Amino acid sequence: MKKRSICIALAVLFSAAWSAPAADNVKPVRMGCGIMTFETVPGWGLTAEGKSAIGPTHGGVVVDKSGNVYTSADLGVFVFSPDGKVIRRFVGDEYSRMHDIEIRDEADGEYIYGARNANAEGVKFNAVTGAFALKLPFPKESGLDLKQFSPTAITVAPNGDIFLSDGYASNHIFKFDKTGKYLKHFGTKGNDLKQFNTAHGMTLDTRYEPARLLVCDRNHEPKGRLLHYDLEG
């Protein structure tokens, strides 16, 4: 699940947004409660001048198996060492403005999966080299006549199937196999049980066997909600 990543995101973004001439002059900030209590590390992710190393960001954060932290920003994806130093970056038109990212350890290495709403696609690229393995534009074979395609979230099933939510447009969730072949879609715009009113976030809930798809329906009325789906929708 992404719960750990969300908590890390809060700490990373708070720290990265803080501009200070010297980290020694900034006190840590404690947030959360109970076992979900975290403390910021002053200066983490900042340049020597005390500025953000990444600039504006939506805030997608994941951690690889070595403890390196990947953060999506308007410019691209920045990779920090555990102590907050930028060790590599993937910037440019193909990496910019990822609304959501997820990392997955696969047979030939770790991969970043990203949802790019402004660029109307899902992507998969190598977490070390940045080489693209897959791009997922709107699947015309779905038969849908959409005026807009704006993916907001992405997640991957144990067998490699990919789920991509069109949360800023149709609110369909599209399912692809691991090669990028379109399989199906489900959900639509609305507030009923099988509808979404901004399918904004999504992750695989591995607390269950089999795993479930957990969807954050941000603008559901009267209140936002979380929904569980099986992997067939």
C-alpha atoms as a PDB file:
ATOM      1  CA  MET A   1       0.000   0.000   0.000  1.00  0.00           C
ATOM      2  CA  LYS A   2       0.931   3.659  -0.330  1.00  0.00           C
ATOM      3  CA  LYS A   3       0.176   4.660   3.281  1.00  0.00           C
ATOM      4  CA  ARG A   4       3.880   4.734   4.097  1.00  0.00           C
ATOM      5  CA  SER A   5       4.561   6.767   0.962  1.00  0.00           C
ATOM      6  CA  ILE A   6       1.824   9.270   1.819  1.00  0.00           C
ATOM      7  CA  CYS A   7       3.329   9.864   5.255  1.00  0.00           C
ATOM      8  CA  ILE A   8       6.806  10.211   3.776  1.00  0.00           C
ATOM      9  CA  ALA A   9       5.343  12.634   1.228  1.00  0.00           C
ATOM     10  CA  LEU A  10       4.092  14.921   3.982  1.00  0.00           C
ATOM     11  CA  ALA A  11       7.500  15.038   5.611  1.00  0.00           C
ATOM     12  CA  VAL A  12       9.413  15.364   2.323  1.00  0.00           C
ATOM     13  CA  LEU A  13       7.215  18.119   0.922  1.00  0.00           C
ATOM     14  CA  PHE A  14       7.183  20.092   4.159  1.00  0.00           C
ATOM     15  CA  SER A  15      10.943  19.900   4.348  1.00  0.00           C
ATOM     16  CA  ALA A  16      11.506  20.565   0.639  1.00  0.00           C
ATOM     17  CA  ALA A  17       9.189  23.565   0.680  1.00  0.00           C
ATOM     18  CA  TRP A  18      11.050  25.141   3.628  1.00  0.00           C
ATOM     19  CA  SER A  19      13.592  27.728   2.502  1.00  0.00           C
ATOM     20  CA  ALA A  20      16.197  28.486   5.143  1.00  0.00           C
ATOM     21  CA  PRO A  21      19.818  29.672   4.995  1.00  0.00           C
ATOM     22  CA  ALA A  22      20.895  27.070   7.530  1.00  0.00           C
ATOM     23  CA  ALA A  23      19.102  23.873   8.533  1.00  0.00           C
ATOM     24  CA  ASP A  24      20.676  24.134  11.991  1.00  0.00           C
ATOM     25  CA  ASN A  25      18.401  27.096  12.740  1.00  0.00           C
ATOM     26  CA  VAL A  26      15.191  25.195  11.987  1.00  0.00           C
ATOM     27  CA  LYS A  27      13.514  23.012  14.568  1.00  0.00           C
ATOM     28  CA  PRO A  28      11.931  19.682  13.550  1.00  0.00           C
ATOM     29  CA  VAL A  29       8.145  19.643  13.209  1.00  0.00           C
ATOM     30  CA  ARG A  30       6.203  16.708  14.640  1.00  0.00           C
ATOM     31  CA  MET A  31       2.936  15.687  12.972  1.00  0.00           C
ATOM     32  CA  GLY A  32       0.408  12.865  13.087  1.00  0.00           C
ATOM     33  CA  CYS A  33      -0.569  10.799  16.115  1.00  0.00           C
ATOM     34  CA  GLY A  34       0.024   7.398  17.684  1.00  0.00           C
ATOM     35  CA  ILE A  35       2.047   5.009  15.548  1.00  0.00           C
ATOM     36  CA  MET A  36       1.574   7.425  12.631  1.00  0.00           C
ATOM     37  CA  THR A  37       3.603  10.215  14.260  1.00  0.00           C
ATOM     38  CA  PHE A  38       6.432  11.617  12.154  1.00  0.00           C
ATOM     39  CA  GLU A  39       9.054  14.315  12.524  1.00  0.00           C
ATOM     40  CA  THR A  40      10.556  16.429   9.765  1.00  0.00           C
ATOM     41  CA  VAL A  41      14.303  16.514   9.146  1.00  0.00           C
ATOM     42  CA  PRO A  42      15.301  20.188   8.693  1.00  0.00           C
ATOM     43  CA  GLY A  43      17.262  20.735   5.516  1.00  0.00           C
ATOM     44  CA  TRP A  44      16.388  17.351   4.001  1.00  0.00           C
ATOM     45  CA  GLY A  45      16.047  17.734   0.240  1.00  0.00           C
ATOM     46  CA  LEU A  46      17.254  21.334   0.150  1.00  0.00           C
ATOM     47  CA  THR A  47      20.170  22.733  -1.815  1.00  0.00           C
ATOM     48  CA  ALA A  48      23.210  24.236  -0.099  1.00  0.00           C
ATOM     49  CA  GLU A  49      21.462  27.618  -0.435  1.00  0.00           C
ATOM     50  CA  GLY A  50      18.469  26.332   1.525  1.00  0.00           C
ATOM     51  CA  LYS A  51      16.157  26.208  -1.494  1.00  0.00           C
ATOM     52  CA  SER A  52      13.935  23.419  -2.744  1.00  0.00           C
ATOM     53  CA  ALA A  53      15.794  21.085  -5.089  1.00  0.00           C
ATOM     54  CA  ILE A  54      12.635  20.185  -6.997  1.00  0.00           C
ATOM     55  CA  GLY A  55      10.429  23.272  -7.344  1.00  0.00           C
ATOM     56  CA  PRO A  56       6.626  22.953  -7.623  1.00  0.00           C
ATOM     57  CA  THR A  57       5.329  19.436  -7.084  1.00  0.00           C
ATOM     58  CA  HIS A  58       2.067  17.535  -6.877  1.00  0.00           C
ATOM     59  CA  GLY A  59       3.688  15.296  -4.306  1.00  0.00           C
ATOM     60  CA  GLY A  60       3.921  11.732  -5.574  1.00  0.00           C
ATOM     61  CA  VAL A  61       6.485   9.954  -3.365  1.00  0.00           C
ATOM     62  CA  VAL A  62       7.778   6.365  -3.415  1.00  0.00           C
ATOM     63  CA  VAL A  63      10.777   4.611  -1.864  1.00  0.00           C
ATOM     64  CA  ASP A  64      12.942   1.983  -3.570  1.00  0.00           C
ATOM     65  CA  LYS A  65      14.432  -1.082  -1.894  1.00  0.00           C
ATOM     66  CA  SER A  66      17.661   0.827  -1.169  1.00  0.00           C
ATOM     67  CA  GLY A  67      15.798   3.549   0.695  1.00  0.00           C
ATOM     68  CA  ASN A  68      16.098   6.182  -2.037  1.00  0.00           C
ATOM     69  CA  VAL A  69      13.121   8.552  -2.257  1.00  0.00           C
ATOM     70  CA  TYR A  70      11.488   9.412  -5.603  1.00  0.00           C
ATOM     71  CA  THR A  71       9.388  12.585  -5.785  1.00  0.00           C
ATOM     72  CA  SER A  72       7.341  13.734  -8.773  1.00  0.00           C
ATOM     73  CA  ALA A  73       7.562  17.445  -9.594  1.00  0.00           C
ATOM     74  CA  ASP A  74       6.430  19.687 -12.427  1.00  0.00           C
ATOM     75  CA  LEU A  75       9.893  19.347 -13.988  1.00  0.00           C
ATOM     76  CA  GLY A  76      10.095  15.560 -13.661  1.00  0.00           C
ATOM     77  CA  VAL A  77      11.030  12.924 -11.090  1.00  0.00           C
ATOM     78  CA  PHE A  78      13.806  13.643  -8.575  1.00  0.00           C
ATOM     79  CA  VAL A  79      15.599  10.882  -6.667  1.00  0.00           C
ATOM     80  CA  PHE A  80      17.020  11.579  -3.206  1.00  0.00           C
ATOM     81  CA  SER A  81      19.393   9.462  -1.151  1.00  0.00           C
ATOM     82  CA  PRO A  82      18.137   8.568   2.349  1.00  0.00           C
ATOM     83  CA  ASP A  83      20.029  11.596   3.722  1.00  0.00           C
ATOM     84  CA  GLY A  84      18.305  14.007   1.319  1.00  0.00           C
ATOM     85  CA  LYS A  85      20.870  14.498  -1.457  1.00  0.00           C
ATOM     86  CA  VAL A  86      19.718  14.482  -5.097  1.00  0.00           C
ATOM     87  CA  ILE A  87      21.407  11.457  -6.681  1.00  0.00           C
ATOM     88  CA  ARG A  88      19.642  11.509 -10.060  1.00  0.00           C
ATOM     89  CA  ARG A  89      16.762  13.173 -11.823  1.00  0.00           C
ATOM     90  CA  PHE A  90      14.535  12.418 -14.773  1.00  0.00           C
ATOM     91  CA  VAL A  91      13.406  15.714 -16.283  1.00  0.00           C
ATOM     92  CA  GLY A  92      11.985  16.846 -19.598  1.00  0.00           C
ATOM     93  CA  ASP A  93       8.724  16.542 -21.495  1.00  0.00           C
ATOM     94  CA  GLU A  94       8.429  12.770 -21.054  1.00  0.00           C
ATOM     95  CA  TYR A  95       8.786  12.862 -17.254  1.00  0.00           C
ATOM     96  CA  SER A  96       7.058  16.109 -16.303  1.00  0.00           C
ATOM     97  CA  ARG A  97       3.899  16.658 -14.225  1.00  0.00           C
ATOM     98  CA  MET A  98       3.231  13.138 -12.961  1.00  0.00           C
ATOM     99  CA  HIS A  99       0.115  13.268 -10.807  1.00  0.00           C
ATOM    100  CA  ASP A 100       0.817   9.904  -9.153  1.00  0.00           C
ATOM    101  CA  ILE A 101       3.735   7.482  -9.099  1.00  0.00           C
ATOM    102  CA  GLU A 102       4.264   3.941  -7.870  1.00  0.00           C
ATOM    103  CA  ILE A 103       7.411   1.808  -7.718  1.00  0.00           C
ATOM    104  CA  ARG A 104       7.546  -1.921  -8.381  1.00  0.00           C
ATOM    105  CA  ASP A 105      10.384  -4.419  -8.075  1.00  0.00           C
ATOM    106  CA  GLU A 106      10.293  -6.690 -11.134  1.00  0.00           C
ATOM    107  CA  ALA A 107      12.444  -9.491 -12.514  1.00  0.00           C
ATOM    108  CA  ASP A 108      14.811  -7.146 -14.368  1.00  0.00           C
ATOM    109  CA  GLY A 109      14.859  -4.258 -11.907  1.00  0.00           C
ATOM    110  CA  GLU A 110      12.726  -1.609 -10.246  1.00  0.00           C
ATOM    111  CA  TYR A 111      10.286   0.444 -12.303  1.00  0.00           C
ATOM    112  CA  ILE A 112       8.377   3.665 -11.782  1.00  0.00           C
ATOM    113  CA  TYR A 113       4.763   3.731 -12.943  1.00  0.00           C
ATOM    114  CA  GLY A 114       3.289   7.206 -13.425  1.00  0.00           C
ATOM    115  CA  ALA A 115      -0.070   8.828 -14.227  1.00  0.00           C
ATOM    116  CA  ARG A 116       0.277  12.012 -16.280  1.00  0.00           C
ATOM    117  CA  ASN A 117      -3.016  13.903 -16.455  1.00  0.00           C
ATOM    118  CA  ALA A 118      -1.743  16.925 -18.374  1.00  0.00           C
ATOM    119  CA  ASN A 119      -0.132  14.620 -20.939  1.00  0.00           C
ATOM    120  CA  ALA A 120      -2.994  12.104 -21.116  1.00  0.00           C
ATOM    121  CA  GLU A 121      -1.054   8.906 -20.494  1.00  0.00           C
ATOM    122  CA  GLY A 122       0.269   6.368 -18.065  1.00  0.00           C
ATOM    123  CA  VAL A 123       3.974   5.480 -18.212  1.00  0.00           C
ATOM    124  CA  LYS A 124       6.452   2.901 -16.953  1.00  0.00           C
ATOM    125  CA  PHE A 125      10.189   3.565 -16.853  1.00  0.00           C
ATOM    126  CA  ASN A 126      13.306   2.061 -15.303  1.00  0.00           C
ATOM    127  CA  ALA A 127      13.961   3.587 -11.877  1.00  0.00           C
ATOM    128  CA  VAL A 128      17.743   3.682 -12.445  1.00  0.00           C
ATOM    129  CA  THR A 129      18.214   4.451 -16.138  1.00  0.00           C
ATOM    130  CA  GLY A 130      14.966   6.271 -16.883  1.00  0.00           C
ATOM    131  CA  ALA A 131      14.446   4.138 -20.001  1.00  0.00           C
ATOM    132  CA  PHE A 132      10.770   3.846 -20.892  1.00  0.00           C
ATOM    133  CA  ALA A 133       9.306   0.356 -20.962  1.00  0.00           C
ATOM    134  CA  LEU A 134       5.689   1.306 -21.598  1.00  0.00           C
ATOM    135  CA  LYS A 135       3.381   4.191 -22.445  1.00  0.00           C
ATOM    136  CA  LEU A 136      -0.377   3.971 -22.009  1.00  0.00           C
ATOM    137  CA  PRO A 137      -2.330   6.580 -23.988  1.00  0.00           C
ATOM    138  CA  PHE A 138      -6.134   6.527 -24.183  1.00  0.00           C
ATOM    139  CA  PRO A 139      -7.098   3.021 -25.420  1.00  0.00           C
ATOM    140  CA  LYS A 140      -9.157   3.562 -28.578  1.00  0.00           C
ATOM    141  CA  GLU A 141     -10.032  -0.138 -28.563  1.00  0.00           C
ATOM    142  CA  SER A 142     -12.253   0.568 -25.548  1.00  0.00           C
ATOM    143  CA  GLY A 143     -14.845   1.948 -27.964  1.00  0.00           C
ATOM    144  CA  LEU A 144     -15.337   5.058 -25.833  1.00  0.00           C
ATOM    145  CA  ASP A 145     -15.689   8.469 -27.429  1.00  0.00           C
ATOM    146  CA  LEU A 146     -14.012  10.627 -24.807  1.00  0.00           C
ATOM    147  CA  LYS A 147     -13.396  14.338 -25.228  1.00  0.00           C
ATOM    148  CA  GLN A 148     -10.684  14.321 -22.570  1.00  0.00           C
ATOM    149  CA  PHE A 149      -8.335  11.781 -20.959  1.00  0.00           C
ATOM    150  CA  SER A 150      -6.711  12.936 -17.702  1.00  0.00           C
ATOM    151  CA  PRO A 151      -5.207  10.088 -15.631  1.00  0.00           C
ATOM    152  CA  THR A 152      -4.810  10.804 -11.929  1.00  0.00           C
ATOM    153  CA  ALA A 153      -3.645   7.510 -10.396  1.00  0.00           C
ATOM    154  CA  ILE A 154      -1.953   4.248 -11.303  1.00  0.00           C
ATOM    155  CA  THR A 155      -1.344   0.941  -9.543  1.00  0.00           C
ATOM    156  CA  VAL A 156      -0.233  -2.573 -10.465  1.00  0.00           C
ATOM    157  CA  ALA A 157      -1.681  -5.991  -9.599  1.00  0.00           C
ATOM    158  CA  PRO A 158       0.512  -8.912  -8.474  1.00  0.00           C
ATOM    159  CA  ASN A 159       0.345 -10.428 -11.983  1.00  0.00           C
ATOM    160  CA  GLY A 160       1.452  -7.164 -13.596  1.00  0.00           C
ATOM    161  CA  ASP A 161      -1.960  -5.909 -14.735  1.00  0.00           C
ATOM    162  CA  ILE A 162      -2.057  -2.112 -14.652  1.00  0.00           C
ATOM    163  CA  PHE A 163      -4.937   0.048 -13.419  1.00  0.00           C
ATOM    164  CA  LEU A 164      -5.123   3.671 -14.596  1.00  0.00           C
ATOM    165  CA  SER A 165      -7.877   5.994 -13.354  1.00  0.00           C
ATOM    166  CA  ASP A 166      -9.189   8.811 -15.543  1.00  0.00           C
ATOM    167  CA  GLY A 167     -10.072  10.835 -12.469  1.00  0.00           C
ATOM    168  CA  TYR A 168     -10.095  14.328 -13.984  1.00  0.00           C
ATOM    169  CA  ALA A 169     -12.312  13.413 -16.923  1.00  0.00           C
ATOM    170  CA  SER A 170     -14.538  10.342 -17.497  1.00  0.00           C
ATOM    171  CA  ASN A 171     -13.834   8.712 -14.106  1.00  0.00           C
ATOM    172  CA  HIS A 172     -13.455   5.343 -15.800  1.00  0.00           C
ATOM    173  CA  ILE A 173     -10.763   3.054 -14.431  1.00  0.00           C
ATOM    174  CA  PHE A 174      -8.893   1.350 -17.267  1.00  0.00           C
ATOM    175  CA  LYS A 175      -7.257  -2.045 -16.895  1.00  0.00           C
ATOM    176  CA  PHE A 176      -4.307  -3.159 -19.056  1.00  0.00           C
ATOM    177  CA  ASP A 177      -2.185  -6.286 -18.990  1.00  0.00           C
ATOM    178  CA  LYS A 178       1.541  -6.037 -18.234  1.00  0.00           C
ATOM    179  CA  THR A 179       2.352  -5.488 -21.924  1.00  0.00           C
ATOM    180  CA  GLY A 180      -0.015  -2.526 -22.153  1.00  0.00           C
ATOM    181  CA  LYS A 181      -2.859  -4.359 -23.893  1.00  0.00           C
ATOM    182  CA  TYR A 182      -6.258  -2.886 -23.031  1.00  0.00           C
ATOM    183  CA  LEU A 183      -8.418  -5.361 -21.124  1.00  0.00           C
ATOM    184  CA  LYS A 184     -11.468  -3.500 -19.823  1.00  0.00           C
ATOM    185  CA  HIS A 185     -12.770  -0.421 -18.053  1.00  0.00           C
ATOM    186  CA  PHE A 186     -15.283   0.127 -15.288  1.00  0.00           C
ATOM    187  CA  GLY A 187     -16.880   2.952 -13.338  1.00  0.00           C
ATOM    188  CA  THR A 188     -18.263   6.226 -14.629  1.00  0.00           C
ATOM    189  CA  LYS A 189     -19.008   9.741 -13.413  1.00  0.00           C
ATOM    190  CA  GLY A 190     -21.481   9.960 -10.529  1.00  0.00           C
ATOM    191  CA  ASN A 191     -22.127   9.350  -6.848  1.00  0.00           C
ATOM    192  CA  ASP A 192     -23.646   5.863  -6.865  1.00  0.00           C
ATOM    193  CA  LEU A 193     -21.917   2.731  -5.605  1.00  0.00           C
ATOM    194  CA  LYS A 194     -20.244   1.857  -8.913  1.00  0.00           C
ATOM    195  CA  GLN A 195     -19.532   5.443  -9.882  1.00  0.00           C
ATOM    196  CA  PHE A 196     -16.787   7.927  -9.051  1.00  0.00           C
ATOM    197  CA  ASN A 197     -16.895  11.682  -8.583  1.00  0.00           C
ATOM    198  CA  THR A 198     -13.158  12.192  -9.120  1.00  0.00           C
ATOM    199  CA  ALA A 199     -11.324   8.871  -8.794  1.00  0.00           C
ATOM    200  CA  HIS A 200      -8.329  10.770  -7.503  1.00  0.00           C
ATOM    201  CA  GLY A 201      -6.148   8.151  -5.813  1.00  0.00           C
ATOM    202  CA  MET A 202      -5.733   4.407  -6.129  1.00  0.00           C
ATOM    203  CA  THR A 203      -3.587   1.652  -4.670  1.00  0.00           C
ATOM    204  CA  LEU A 204      -3.462  -2.100  -4.215  1.00  0.00           C
ATOM    205  CA  ASP A 205      -4.677  -3.090  -0.745  1.00  0.00           C
ATOM    206  CA  THR A 206      -2.530  -6.111   0.090  1.00  0.00           C
ATOM    207  CA  ARG A 207      -4.040  -6.587   3.553  1.00  0.00           C
ATOM    208  CA  TYR A 208      -6.538  -8.869   1.842  1.00  0.00           C
ATOM    209  CA  GLU A 209      -6.125 -12.142  -0.030  1.00  0.00           C
ATOM    210  CA  PRO A 210      -6.708 -11.763  -2.878  1.00  0.00           C
ATOM    211  CA  ALA A 211      -5.586  -8.154  -2.946  1.00  0.00           C
ATOM    212  CA  ARG A 212      -8.203  -5.475  -3.527  1.00  0.00           C
ATOM    213  CA  LEU A 213      -8.211  -2.245  -5.472  1.00  0.00           C
ATOM    214  CA  LEU A 214      -8.648   0.696  -3.085  1.00  0.00           C
ATOM    215  CA  VAL A 215      -9.978   3.847  -4.765  1.00  0.00           C
ATOM    216  CA  CYS A 216     -10.167   7.335  -3.268  1.00  0.00           C
ATOM    217  CA  ASP A 217     -13.370   8.946  -4.592  1.00  0.00           C
ATOM    218  CA  ARG A 218     -12.387  12.480  -3.632  1.00  0.00           C
ATOM    219  CA  ASN A 219     -15.468  14.519  -4.523  1.00  0.00           C
ATOM    220  CA  HIS A 220     -18.165  11.978  -3.728  1.00  0.00           C
ATOM    221  CA  GLU A 221     -21.205  13.752  -2.298  1.00  0.00           C
ATOM    222  CA  PRO A 222     -21.957  14.500   0.463  1.00  0.00           C
ATOM    223  CA  LYS A 223     -18.470  13.421   1.569  1.00  0.00           C
ATOM    224  CA  GLY A 224     -15.456  11.853  -0.062  1.00  0.00           C
ATOM    225  CA  ARG A 225     -15.100   8.094   0.313  1.00  0.00           C
ATOM    226  CA  LEU A 226     -12.818   5.085  -0.088  1.00  0.00           C
ATOM    227  CA  LEU A 227     -14.056   2.127  -2.124  1.00  0.00           C
ATOM    228  CA  HIS A 228     -12.836  -1.463  -2.355  1.00  0.00           C
ATOM    229  CA  TYR A 229     -13.094  -3.304  -5.673  1.00  0.00           C
ATOM    230  CA  ASP A 230     -11.911  -6.732  -6.659  1.00  0.00           C
ATOM    231  CA  LEU A 231      -9.367  -6.775  -9.471  1.00  0.00           C
ATOM    232  CA  GLU A 232     -12.059  -7.436 -12.066  1.00  0.00           C
ATOM    233  CA  GLY A 233     -13.856  -4.198 -11.198  1.00  0.00           C
END
